[in-house]
């Protein structure tokens, strides 16, 4: 069973798997914690009267904060390569990596 989990997460050791779980949990908790102060600093609570719109904006913000924190915290734990590959996979799913790469090529 453990070998299946290690294969699923594409890691070699149980220690690496535990570190990756810790990074995911810290990044998730911290992104939720940081999203509210950022929205308060932008003073969007008073501007957006529709609660559903505010929630949608907060979810989008949480997603982007989470992606940045994964790389930052993953680097602190020595797992930059793992989380960079994870980020590339996420960006490919949203078709953002190809757009970003084509924009960079066009600006050169």
PDB file of N, CA and C in Angstrom:
ATOM      1  N   UNK A   1       0.811  -1.189   0.000  1.00  0.00           N
ATOM      2  CA  UNK A   1       0.000   0.000   0.000  1.00  0.00           C
ATOM      3  C   UNK A   1       0.858   1.259   0.000  1.00  0.00           C
ATOM      4  N   UNK A   2       1.908   1.280   0.820  1.00  0.00           N
ATOM      5  CA  UNK A   2       2.795   2.423   0.892  1.00  0.00           C
ATOM      6  C   UNK A   2       3.489   2.650  -0.452  1.00  0.00           C
ATOM      7  N   UNK A   3       3.857   1.558  -1.113  1.00  0.00           N
ATOM      8  CA  UNK A   3       4.502   1.699  -2.427  1.00  0.00           C
ATOM      9  C   UNK A   3       3.571   2.349  -3.443  1.00  0.00           C
ATOM     10  N   UNK A   4       2.269   2.058  -3.359  1.00  0.00           N
ATOM     11  CA  UNK A   4       1.304   2.677  -4.266  1.00  0.00           C
ATOM     12  C   UNK A   4       1.221   4.180  -4.032  1.00  0.00           C
ATOM     13  N   UNK A   5       1.236   4.571  -2.757  1.00  0.00           N
ATOM     14  CA  UNK A   5       1.173   5.995  -2.423  1.00  0.00           C
ATOM     15  C   UNK A   5       2.444   6.698  -2.881  1.00  0.00           C
ATOM     16  N   UNK A   6       3.598   6.069  -2.657  1.00  0.00           N
ATOM     17  CA  UNK A   6       4.860   6.659  -3.103  1.00  0.00           C
ATOM     18  C   UNK A   6       4.883   6.804  -4.617  1.00  0.00           C
ATOM     19  N   UNK A   7       4.359   5.825  -5.320  1.00  0.00           N
ATOM     20  CA  UNK A   7       4.294   5.884  -6.781  1.00  0.00           C
ATOM     21  C   UNK A   7       3.312   6.958  -7.234  1.00  0.00           C
ATOM     22  N   UNK A   8       2.187   7.057  -6.574  1.00  0.00           N
ATOM     23  CA  UNK A   8       1.177   8.049  -6.925  1.00  0.00           C
ATOM     24  C   UNK A   8       1.730   9.473  -6.804  1.00  0.00           C
ATOM     25  N   UNK A   9       2.471   9.734  -5.726  1.00  0.00           N
ATOM     26  CA  UNK A   9       3.034  11.062  -5.517  1.00  0.00           C
ATOM     27  C   UNK A   9       4.402  11.235  -6.177  1.00  0.00           C
ATOM     28  N   UNK A  10       4.890  10.194  -6.813  1.00  0.00           N
ATOM     29  CA  UNK A  10       6.175  10.218  -7.533  1.00  0.00           C
ATOM     30  C   UNK A  10       7.331  10.642  -6.632  1.00  0.00           C
ATOM     31  N   UNK A  11       7.407   9.988  -5.481  1.00  0.00           N
ATOM     32  CA  UNK A  11       8.494  10.225  -4.541  1.00  0.00           C
ATOM     33  C   UNK A  11       9.202   8.909  -4.274  1.00  0.00           C
ATOM     34  N   UNK A  12      10.396   9.003  -3.678  1.00  0.00           N
ATOM     35  CA  UNK A  12      11.208   7.813  -3.461  1.00  0.00           C
ATOM     36  C   UNK A  12      11.129   7.274  -2.039  1.00  0.00           C
ATOM     37  N   UNK A  13      10.972   8.179  -1.066  1.00  0.00           N
ATOM     38  CA  UNK A  13      11.020   7.743   0.332  1.00  0.00           C
ATOM     39  C   UNK A  13       9.804   8.231   1.099  1.00  0.00           C
ATOM     40  N   UNK A  14       9.569   7.576   2.216  1.00  0.00           N
ATOM     41  CA  UNK A  14       8.491   7.985   3.110  1.00  0.00           C
ATOM     42  C   UNK A  14       8.779   9.365   3.689  1.00  0.00           C
ATOM     43  N   UNK A  15      10.030   9.647   3.980  1.00  0.00           N
ATOM     44  CA  UNK A  15      10.422  10.958   4.499  1.00  0.00           C
ATOM     45  C   UNK A  15      10.050  12.058   3.517  1.00  0.00           C
ATOM     46  N   UNK A  16      10.339  11.867   2.248  1.00  0.00           N
ATOM     47  CA  UNK A  16      10.004  12.865   1.229  1.00  0.00           C
ATOM     48  C   UNK A  16       8.490  13.054   1.127  1.00  0.00           C
ATOM     49  N   UNK A  17       7.739  11.972   1.243  1.00  0.00           N
ATOM     50  CA  UNK A  17       6.283  12.050   1.198  1.00  0.00           C
ATOM     51  C   UNK A  17       5.744  12.861   2.373  1.00  0.00           C
ATOM     52  N   UNK A  18       6.295  12.636   3.553  1.00  0.00           N
ATOM     53  CA  UNK A  18       5.863  13.371   4.739  1.00  0.00           C
ATOM     54  C   UNK A  18       6.178  14.856   4.586  1.00  0.00           C
ATOM     55  N   UNK A  19       7.354  15.174   4.071  1.00  0.00           N
ATOM     56  CA  UNK A  19       7.728  16.571   3.842  1.00  0.00           C
ATOM     57  C   UNK A  19       6.764  17.224   2.853  1.00  0.00           C
ATOM     58  N   UNK A  20       6.407  16.510   1.800  1.00  0.00           N
ATOM     59  CA  UNK A  20       5.491  17.043   0.794  1.00  0.00           C
ATOM     60  C   UNK A  20       4.108  17.281   1.402  1.00  0.00           C
ATOM     61  N   UNK A  21       3.633  16.368   2.230  1.00  0.00           N
ATOM     62  CA  UNK A  21       2.346  16.571   2.913  1.00  0.00           C
ATOM     63  C   UNK A  21       2.400  17.787   3.835  1.00  0.00           C
ATOM     64  N   UNK A  22       3.514  17.960   4.529  1.00  0.00           N
ATOM     65  CA  UNK A  22       3.676  19.119   5.414  1.00  0.00           C
ATOM     66  C   UNK A  22       3.647  20.410   4.608  1.00  0.00           C
ATOM     67  N   UNK A  23       4.331  20.433   3.472  1.00  0.00           N
ATOM     68  CA  UNK A  23       4.351  21.629   2.628  1.00  0.00           C
ATOM     69  C   UNK A  23       2.945  21.938   2.115  1.00  0.00           C
ATOM     70  N   UNK A  24       2.227  20.930   1.648  1.00  0.00           N
ATOM     71  CA  UNK A  24       0.858  21.144   1.179  1.00  0.00           C
ATOM     72  C   UNK A  24      -0.015  21.721   2.297  1.00  0.00           C
ATOM     73  N   UNK A  25       0.112  21.190   3.505  1.00  0.00           N
ATOM     74  CA  UNK A  25      -0.744  21.655   4.601  1.00  0.00           C
ATOM     75  C   UNK A  25      -0.388  23.072   5.032  1.00  0.00           C
ATOM     76  N   UNK A  26       0.893  23.391   5.116  1.00  0.00           N
ATOM     77  CA  UNK A  26       1.299  24.746   5.502  1.00  0.00           C
ATOM     78  C   UNK A  26       0.859  25.749   4.444  1.00  0.00           C
ATOM     79  N   UNK A  27       1.084  25.427   3.174  1.00  0.00           N
ATOM     80  CA  UNK A  27       0.710  26.350   2.091  1.00  0.00           C
ATOM     81  C   UNK A  27      -0.803  26.568   2.052  1.00  0.00           C
ATOM     82  N   UNK A  28      -1.575  25.519   2.251  1.00  0.00           N
ATOM     83  CA  UNK A  28      -3.027  25.651   2.242  1.00  0.00           C
ATOM     84  C   UNK A  28      -3.540  26.497   3.389  1.00  0.00           C
ATOM     85  N   UNK A  29      -3.049  26.233   4.571  1.00  0.00           N
ATOM     86  CA  UNK A  29      -3.489  26.993   5.742  1.00  0.00           C
ATOM     87  C   UNK A  29      -3.058  28.454   5.644  1.00  0.00           C
ATOM     88  N   UNK A  30      -1.835  28.667   5.215  1.00  0.00           N
ATOM     89  CA  UNK A  30      -1.320  30.030   5.121  1.00  0.00           C
ATOM     90  C   UNK A  30      -2.013  30.831   4.023  1.00  0.00           C
ATOM     91  N   UNK A  31      -2.377  30.181   2.930  1.00  0.00           N
ATOM     92  CA  UNK A  31      -3.071  30.906   1.857  1.00  0.00           C
ATOM     93  C   UNK A  31      -4.464  31.349   2.317  1.00  0.00           C
ATOM     94  N   UNK A  32      -5.137  30.513   3.092  1.00  0.00           N
ATOM     95  CA  UNK A  32      -6.430  30.920   3.658  1.00  0.00           C
ATOM     96  C   UNK A  32      -6.263  32.064   4.650  1.00  0.00           C
ATOM     97  N   UNK A  33      -5.229  31.980   5.450  1.00  0.00           N
ATOM     98  CA  UNK A  33      -4.973  32.997   6.463  1.00  0.00           C
ATOM     99  C   UNK A  33      -4.622  34.342   5.822  1.00  0.00           C
ATOM    100  N   UNK A  34      -3.829  34.326   4.752  1.00  0.00           N
ATOM    101  CA  UNK A  34      -3.367  35.567   4.125  1.00  0.00           C
ATOM    102  C   UNK A  34      -4.382  36.215   3.198  1.00  0.00           C
ATOM    103  N   UNK A  35      -5.340  35.465   2.711  1.00  0.00           N
ATOM    104  CA  UNK A  35      -6.277  36.026   1.731  1.00  0.00           C
ATOM    105  C   UNK A  35      -7.147  37.129   2.322  1.00  0.00           C
ATOM    106  N   UNK A  36      -7.588  36.965   3.549  1.00  0.00           N
ATOM    107  CA  UNK A  36      -8.448  37.979   4.155  1.00  0.00           C
ATOM    108  C   UNK A  36      -7.732  39.311   4.376  1.00  0.00           C
ATOM    109  N   UNK A  37      -6.532  39.335   4.964  1.00  0.00           N
ATOM    110  CA  UNK A  37      -5.838  40.618   5.126  1.00  0.00           C
ATOM    111  C   UNK A  37      -5.513  41.305   3.790  1.00  0.00           C
ATOM    112  N   UNK A  38      -5.236  40.521   2.774  1.00  0.00           N
ATOM    113  CA  UNK A  38      -4.964  41.110   1.461  1.00  0.00           C
ATOM    114  C   UNK A  38      -6.222  41.775   0.920  1.00  0.00           C
ATOM    115  N   UNK A  39      -7.348  41.112   1.026  1.00  0.00           N
ATOM    116  CA  UNK A  39      -8.601  41.711   0.570  1.00  0.00           C
ATOM    117  C   UNK A  39      -8.974  42.923   1.420  1.00  0.00           C
ATOM    118  N   UNK A  40      -8.673  42.876   2.713  1.00  0.00           N
ATOM    119  CA  UNK A  40      -8.936  44.031   3.572  1.00  0.00           C
ATOM    120  C   UNK A  40      -8.037  45.206   3.187  1.00  0.00           C
ATOM    121  N   UNK A  41      -6.775  44.917   2.869  1.00  0.00           N
ATOM    122  CA  UNK A  41      -5.849  45.983   2.474  1.00  0.00           C
ATOM    123  C   UNK A  41      -6.283  46.631   1.168  1.00  0.00           C
ATOM    124  N   UNK A  42      -6.872  45.843   0.278  1.00  0.00           N
ATOM    125  CA  UNK A  42      -7.377  46.387  -0.985  1.00  0.00           C
ATOM    126  C   UNK A  42      -8.732  47.067  -0.816  1.00  0.00           C
ATOM    127  N   UNK A  43      -9.307  46.952   0.388  1.00  0.00           N
ATOM    128  CA  UNK A  43     -10.588  47.564   0.731  1.00  0.00           C
ATOM    129  C   UNK A  43     -11.710  47.120  -0.206  1.00  0.00           C
ATOM    130  N   UNK A  44     -11.733  45.825  -0.515  1.00  0.00           N
ATOM    131  CA  UNK A  44     -12.744  45.301  -1.421  1.00  0.00           C
ATOM    132  C   UNK A  44     -14.040  44.916  -0.714  1.00  0.00           C
ATOM    133  N   UNK A  45     -13.992  44.801   0.612  1.00  0.00           N
ATOM    134  CA  UNK A  45     -15.221  44.488   1.351  1.00  0.00           C
ATOM    135  C   UNK A  45     -16.281  45.554   1.148  1.00  0.00           C
ATOM    136  N   UNK A  46     -15.859  46.807   1.180  1.00  0.00           N
ATOM    137  CA  UNK A  46     -16.828  47.891   1.041  1.00  0.00           C
ATOM    138  C   UNK A  46     -17.222  48.118  -0.413  1.00  0.00           C
ATOM    139  N   UNK A  47     -16.343  47.755  -1.351  1.00  0.00           N
ATOM    140  CA  UNK A  47     -16.638  47.978  -2.764  1.00  0.00           C
ATOM    141  C   UNK A  47     -17.558  46.917  -3.345  1.00  0.00           C
ATOM    142  N   UNK A  48     -17.390  45.697  -2.899  1.00  0.00           N
ATOM    143  CA  UNK A  48     -18.178  44.598  -3.449  1.00  0.00           C
ATOM    144  C   UNK A  48     -19.327  44.292  -2.501  1.00  0.00           C
ATOM    145  N   UNK A  49     -20.518  44.671  -2.899  1.00  0.00           N
ATOM    146  CA  UNK A  49     -21.685  44.450  -2.050  1.00  0.00           C
ATOM    147  C   UNK A  49     -22.305  43.076  -2.253  1.00  0.00           C
ATOM    148  N   UNK A  50     -22.035  42.469  -3.404  1.00  0.00           N
ATOM    149  CA  UNK A  50     -22.576  41.144  -3.681  1.00  0.00           C
ATOM    150  C   UNK A  50     -21.652  40.105  -3.029  1.00  0.00           C
ATOM    151  N   UNK A  51     -22.168  39.406  -2.059  1.00  0.00           N
ATOM    152  CA  UNK A  51     -21.368  38.457  -1.287  1.00  0.00           C
ATOM    153  C   UNK A  51     -20.790  37.342  -2.167  1.00  0.00           C
ATOM    154  N   UNK A  52     -21.566  36.873  -3.131  1.00  0.00           N
ATOM    155  CA  UNK A  52     -21.104  35.801  -4.000  1.00  0.00           C
ATOM    156  C   UNK A  52     -19.905  36.242  -4.835  1.00  0.00           C
ATOM    157  N   UNK A  53     -19.903  37.474  -5.284  1.00  0.00           N
ATOM    158  CA  UNK A  53     -18.780  38.015  -6.051  1.00  0.00           C
ATOM    159  C   UNK A  53     -17.533  38.119  -5.176  1.00  0.00           C
ATOM    160  N   UNK A  54     -17.735  38.540  -3.940  1.00  0.00           N
ATOM    161  CA  UNK A  54     -16.622  38.632  -3.003  1.00  0.00           C
ATOM    162  C   UNK A  54     -16.014  37.255  -2.731  1.00  0.00           C
ATOM    163  N   UNK A  55     -16.865  36.263  -2.555  1.00  0.00           N
ATOM    164  CA  UNK A  55     -16.385  34.893  -2.309  1.00  0.00           C
ATOM    165  C   UNK A  55     -15.619  34.373  -3.528  1.00  0.00           C
ATOM    166  N   UNK A  56     -16.133  34.628  -4.714  1.00  0.00           N
ATOM    167  CA  UNK A  56     -15.446  34.192  -5.932  1.00  0.00           C
ATOM    168  C   UNK A  56     -14.079  34.855  -6.048  1.00  0.00           C
ATOM    169  N   UNK A  57     -14.003  36.138  -5.743  1.00  0.00           N
ATOM    170  CA  UNK A  57     -12.735  36.857  -5.791  1.00  0.00           C
ATOM    171  C   UNK A  57     -11.759  36.305  -4.764  1.00  0.00           C
ATOM    172  N   UNK A  58     -12.262  35.999  -3.585  1.00  0.00           N
ATOM    173  CA  UNK A  58     -11.401  35.434  -2.543  1.00  0.00           C
ATOM    174  C   UNK A  58     -10.875  34.055  -2.943  1.00  0.00           C
ATOM    175  N   UNK A  59     -11.706  33.231  -3.553  1.00  0.00           N
ATOM    176  CA  UNK A  59     -11.250  31.912  -4.003  1.00  0.00           C
ATOM    177  C   UNK A  59     -10.162  32.026  -5.064  1.00  0.00           C
ATOM    178  N   UNK A  60     -10.334  32.955  -5.983  1.00  0.00           N
ATOM    179  CA  UNK A  60      -9.303  33.166  -7.013  1.00  0.00           C
ATOM    180  C   UNK A  60      -8.005  33.628  -6.367  1.00  0.00           C
ATOM    181  N   UNK A  61      -8.097  34.548  -5.420  1.00  0.00           N
ATOM    182  CA  UNK A  61      -6.916  35.030  -4.714  1.00  0.00           C
ATOM    183  C   UNK A  61      -6.243  33.900  -3.943  1.00  0.00           C
ATOM    184  N   UNK A  62      -7.033  33.085  -3.268  1.00  0.00           N
ATOM    185  CA  UNK A  62      -6.475  31.949  -2.519  1.00  0.00           C
ATOM    186  C   UNK A  62      -5.724  31.013  -3.456  1.00  0.00           C
ATOM    187  N   UNK A  63      -6.283  30.766  -4.638  1.00  0.00           N
ATOM    188  CA  UNK A  63      -5.624  29.873  -5.590  1.00  0.00           C
ATOM    189  C   UNK A  63      -4.237  30.397  -5.963  1.00  0.00           C
ATOM    190  N   UNK A  64      -4.137  31.678  -6.271  1.00  0.00           N
ATOM    191  CA  UNK A  64      -2.842  32.230  -6.683  1.00  0.00           C
ATOM    192  C   UNK A  64      -1.859  32.319  -5.524  1.00  0.00           C
ATOM    193  N   UNK A  65      -2.348  32.672  -4.345  1.00  0.00           N
ATOM    194  CA  UNK A  65      -1.478  32.698  -3.167  1.00  0.00           C
ATOM    195  C   UNK A  65      -0.959  31.292  -2.882  1.00  0.00           C
ATOM    196  N   UNK A  66      -1.832  30.309  -2.990  1.00  0.00           N
ATOM    197  CA  UNK A  66      -1.459  28.915  -2.722  1.00  0.00           C
ATOM    198  C   UNK A  66      -0.352  28.452  -3.663  1.00  0.00           C
ATOM    199  N   UNK A  67      -0.476  28.790  -4.939  1.00  0.00           N
ATOM    200  CA  UNK A  67       0.538  28.361  -5.904  1.00  0.00           C
ATOM    201  C   UNK A  67       1.900  28.978  -5.570  1.00  0.00           C
ATOM    202  N   UNK A  68       1.917  30.248  -5.217  1.00  0.00           N
ATOM    203  CA  UNK A  68       3.166  30.916  -4.853  1.00  0.00           C
ATOM    204  C   UNK A  68       3.751  30.342  -3.569  1.00  0.00           C
ATOM    205  N   UNK A  69       2.887  30.110  -2.592  1.00  0.00           N
ATOM    206  CA  UNK A  69       3.364  29.567  -1.320  1.00  0.00           C
ATOM    207  C   UNK A  69       3.893  28.150  -1.461  1.00  0.00           C
ATOM    208  N   UNK A  70       3.302  27.357  -2.346  1.00  0.00           N
ATOM    209  CA  UNK A  70       3.821  26.005  -2.562  1.00  0.00           C
ATOM    210  C   UNK A  70       5.280  26.045  -2.998  1.00  0.00           C
ATOM    211  N   UNK A  71       5.580  26.920  -3.943  1.00  0.00           N
ATOM    212  CA  UNK A  71       6.965  27.030  -4.404  1.00  0.00           C
ATOM    213  C   UNK A  71       7.880  27.571  -3.311  1.00  0.00           C
ATOM    214  N   UNK A  72       7.429  28.589  -2.616  1.00  0.00           N
ATOM    215  CA  UNK A  72       8.253  29.204  -1.575  1.00  0.00           C
ATOM    216  C   UNK A  72       8.518  28.237  -0.425  1.00  0.00           C
ATOM    217  N   UNK A  73       7.477  27.638   0.108  1.00  0.00           N
ATOM    218  CA  UNK A  73       7.634  26.735   1.244  1.00  0.00           C
ATOM    219  C   UNK A  73       8.309  25.435   0.803  1.00  0.00           C
ATOM    220  N   UNK A  74       7.975  24.964  -0.401  1.00  0.00           N
ATOM    221  CA  UNK A  74       8.637  23.774  -0.922  1.00  0.00           C
ATOM    222  C   UNK A  74      10.135  23.981  -1.056  1.00  0.00           C
ATOM    223  N   UNK A  75      10.539  25.173  -1.459  1.00  0.00           N
ATOM    224  CA  UNK A  75      11.962  25.493  -1.560  1.00  0.00           C
ATOM    225  C   UNK A  75      12.616  25.486  -0.182  1.00  0.00           C
ATOM    226  N   UNK A  76      11.918  26.043   0.808  1.00  0.00           N
ATOM    227  CA  UNK A  76      12.460  26.056   2.174  1.00  0.00           C
ATOM    228  C   UNK A  76      12.662  24.639   2.719  1.00  0.00           C
ATOM    229  N   UNK A  77      11.827  23.712   2.275  1.00  0.00           N
ATOM    230  CA  UNK A  77      11.933  22.328   2.727  1.00  0.00           C
ATOM    231  C   UNK A  77      12.792  21.481   1.786  1.00  0.00           C
ATOM    232  N   UNK A  78      13.419  22.099   0.802  1.00  0.00           N
ATOM    233  CA  UNK A  78      14.313  21.380  -0.106  1.00  0.00           C
ATOM    234  C   UNK A  78      13.603  20.574  -1.173  1.00  0.00           C
ATOM    235  N   UNK A  79      12.380  20.946  -1.511  1.00  0.00           N
ATOM    236  CA  UNK A  79      11.593  20.191  -2.489  1.00  0.00           C
ATOM    237  C   UNK A  79      11.175  21.075  -3.671  1.00  0.00           C
ATOM    238  N   UNK A  80      12.043  22.022  -4.051  1.00  0.00           N
ATOM    239  CA  UNK A  80      11.688  22.938  -5.132  1.00  0.00           C
ATOM    240  C   UNK A  80      11.374  22.188  -6.416  1.00  0.00           C
ATOM    241  N   UNK A  81      12.194  21.243  -6.808  1.00  0.00           N
ATOM    242  CA  UNK A  81      11.994  20.529  -8.077  1.00  0.00           C
ATOM    243  C   UNK A  81      10.640  19.820  -8.110  1.00  0.00           C
ATOM    244  N   UNK A  82      10.264  19.190  -7.014  1.00  0.00           N
ATOM    245  CA  UNK A  82       8.975  18.486  -6.956  1.00  0.00           C
ATOM    246  C   UNK A  82       7.825  19.470  -7.151  1.00  0.00           C
ATOM    247  N   UNK A  83       7.868  20.579  -6.420  1.00  0.00           N
ATOM    248  CA  UNK A  83       6.759  21.522  -6.493  1.00  0.00           C
ATOM    249  C   UNK A  83       6.789  22.349  -7.778  1.00  0.00           C
ATOM    250  N   UNK A  84       7.949  22.547  -8.375  1.00  0.00           N
ATOM    251  CA  UNK A  84       7.996  23.223  -9.666  1.00  0.00           C
ATOM    252  C   UNK A  84       7.346  22.342 -10.736  1.00  0.00           C
ATOM    253  N   UNK A  85       7.616  21.047 -10.700  1.00  0.00           N
ATOM    254  CA  UNK A  85       6.949  20.127 -11.629  1.00  0.00           C
ATOM    255  C   UNK A  85       5.443  20.093 -11.376  1.00  0.00           C
ATOM    256  N   UNK A  86       5.048  20.149 -10.120  1.00  0.00           N
ATOM    257  CA  UNK A  86       3.633  20.198  -9.764  1.00  0.00           C
ATOM    258  C   UNK A  86       2.991  21.467 -10.313  1.00  0.00           C
ATOM    259  N   UNK A  87       3.671  22.601 -10.191  1.00  0.00           N
ATOM    260  CA  UNK A  87       3.156  23.874 -10.707  1.00  0.00           C
ATOM    261  C   UNK A  87       3.018  23.849 -12.226  1.00  0.00           C
ATOM    262  N   UNK A  88       3.994  23.284 -12.886  1.00  0.00           N
ATOM    263  CA  UNK A  88       3.914  23.196 -14.352  1.00  0.00           C
ATOM    264  C   UNK A  88       2.708  22.367 -14.779  1.00  0.00           C
ATOM    265  N   UNK A  89       2.432  21.297 -14.039  1.00  0.00           N
ATOM    266  CA  UNK A  89       1.274  20.465 -14.353  1.00  0.00           C
ATOM    267  C   UNK A  89      -0.027  21.246 -14.165  1.00  0.00           C
ATOM    268  N   UNK A  90      -0.116  22.006 -13.080  1.00  0.00           N
ATOM    269  CA  UNK A  90      -1.313  22.820 -12.820  1.00  0.00           C
ATOM    270  C   UNK A  90      -1.475  23.877 -13.909  1.00  0.00           C
ATOM    271  N   UNK A  91      -0.396  24.563 -14.258  1.00  0.00           N
ATOM    272  CA  UNK A  91      -0.467  25.604 -15.289  1.00  0.00           C
ATOM    273  C   UNK A  91      -0.845  25.018 -16.646  1.00  0.00           C
ATOM    274  N   UNK A  92      -0.362  23.821 -16.936  1.00  0.00           N
ATOM    275  CA  UNK A  92      -0.750  23.166 -18.195  1.00  0.00           C
ATOM    276  C   UNK A  92      -2.233  22.815 -18.208  1.00  0.00           C
ATOM    277  N   UNK A  93      -2.764  22.422 -17.070  1.00  0.00           N
ATOM    278  CA  UNK A  93      -4.194  22.085 -17.003  1.00  0.00           C
ATOM    279  C   UNK A  93      -5.065  23.301 -17.265  1.00  0.00           C
ATOM    280  N   UNK A  94      -4.603  24.451 -16.819  1.00  0.00           N
ATOM    281  CA  UNK A  94      -5.353  25.682 -17.053  1.00  0.00           C
ATOM    282  C   UNK A  94      -4.927  26.388 -18.330  1.00  0.00           C
ATOM    283  N   UNK A  95      -4.052  25.745 -19.098  1.00  0.00           N
ATOM    284  CA  UNK A  95      -3.562  26.295 -20.367  1.00  0.00           C
ATOM    285  C   UNK A  95      -2.847  27.629 -20.172  1.00  0.00           C
ATOM    286  N   UNK A  96      -2.307  27.873 -18.988  1.00  0.00           N
ATOM    287  CA  UNK A  96      -1.623  29.124 -18.712  1.00  0.00           C
ATOM    288  C   UNK A  96      -0.153  29.074 -19.083  1.00  0.00           C
ATOM    289  N   UNK A  97       0.451  27.906 -19.002  1.00  0.00           N
ATOM    290  CA  UNK A  97       1.877  27.799 -19.284  1.00  0.00           C
ATOM    291  C   UNK A  97       2.158  28.077 -20.747  1.00  0.00           C
ATOM    292  N   UNK A  98       1.334  27.575 -21.639  1.00  0.00           N
ATOM    293  CA  UNK A  98       1.538  27.802 -23.067  1.00  0.00           C
ATOM    294  C   UNK A  98       1.327  29.274 -23.405  1.00  0.00           C
ATOM    295  N   UNK A  99       0.321  29.898 -22.805  1.00  0.00           N
ATOM    296  CA  UNK A  99       0.078  31.324 -23.043  1.00  0.00           C
ATOM    297  C   UNK A  99       1.242  32.154 -22.536  1.00  0.00           C
ATOM    298  N   UNK A 100       1.733  31.827 -21.347  1.00  0.00           N
ATOM    299  CA  UNK A 100       2.840  32.564 -20.769  1.00  0.00           C
ATOM    300  C   UNK A 100       4.088  32.416 -21.627  1.00  0.00           C
ATOM    301  N   UNK A 101       4.374  31.191 -22.051  1.00  0.00           N
ATOM    302  CA  UNK A 101       5.566  30.941 -22.875  1.00  0.00           C
ATOM    303  C   UNK A 101       5.464  31.670 -24.221  1.00  0.00           C
ATOM    304  N   UNK A 102       4.276  31.686 -24.822  1.00  0.00           N
ATOM    305  CA  UNK A 102       4.120  32.361 -26.106  1.00  0.00           C
ATOM    306  C   UNK A 102       4.233  33.878 -25.933  1.00  0.00           C
ATOM    307  N   UNK A 103       3.746  34.423 -24.832  1.00  0.00           N
ATOM    308  CA  UNK A 103       3.886  35.854 -24.564  1.00  0.00           C
ATOM    309  C   UNK A 103       5.343  36.242 -24.364  1.00  0.00           C
ATOM    310  N   UNK A 104       6.096  35.402 -23.691  1.00  0.00           N
ATOM    311  CA  UNK A 104       7.515  35.678 -23.461  1.00  0.00           C
ATOM    312  C   UNK A 104       8.237  35.662 -24.805  1.00  0.00           C
ATOM    313  N   UNK A 105       7.946  34.692 -25.655  1.00  0.00           N
ATOM    314  CA  UNK A 105       8.597  34.606 -26.970  1.00  0.00           C
ATOM    315  C   UNK A 105       8.243  35.818 -27.832  1.00  0.00           C
ATOM    316  N   UNK A 106       6.996  36.268 -27.781  1.00  0.00           N
ATOM    317  CA  UNK A 106       6.577  37.407 -28.586  1.00  0.00           C
ATOM    318  C   UNK A 106       7.215  38.715 -28.135  1.00  0.00           C
ATOM    319  N   UNK A 107       7.516  38.827 -26.848  1.00  0.00           N
ATOM    320  CA  UNK A 107       8.121  40.062 -26.320  1.00  0.00           C
ATOM    321  C   UNK A 107       9.617  40.127 -26.571  1.00  0.00           C
ATOM    322  N   UNK A 108      10.240  39.031 -26.929  1.00  0.00           N
ATOM    323  CA  UNK A 108      11.700  39.027 -27.134  1.00  0.00           C
ATOM    324  C   UNK A 108      12.090  39.596 -28.444  1.00  0.00           C
TER     325      UNK A 108
END
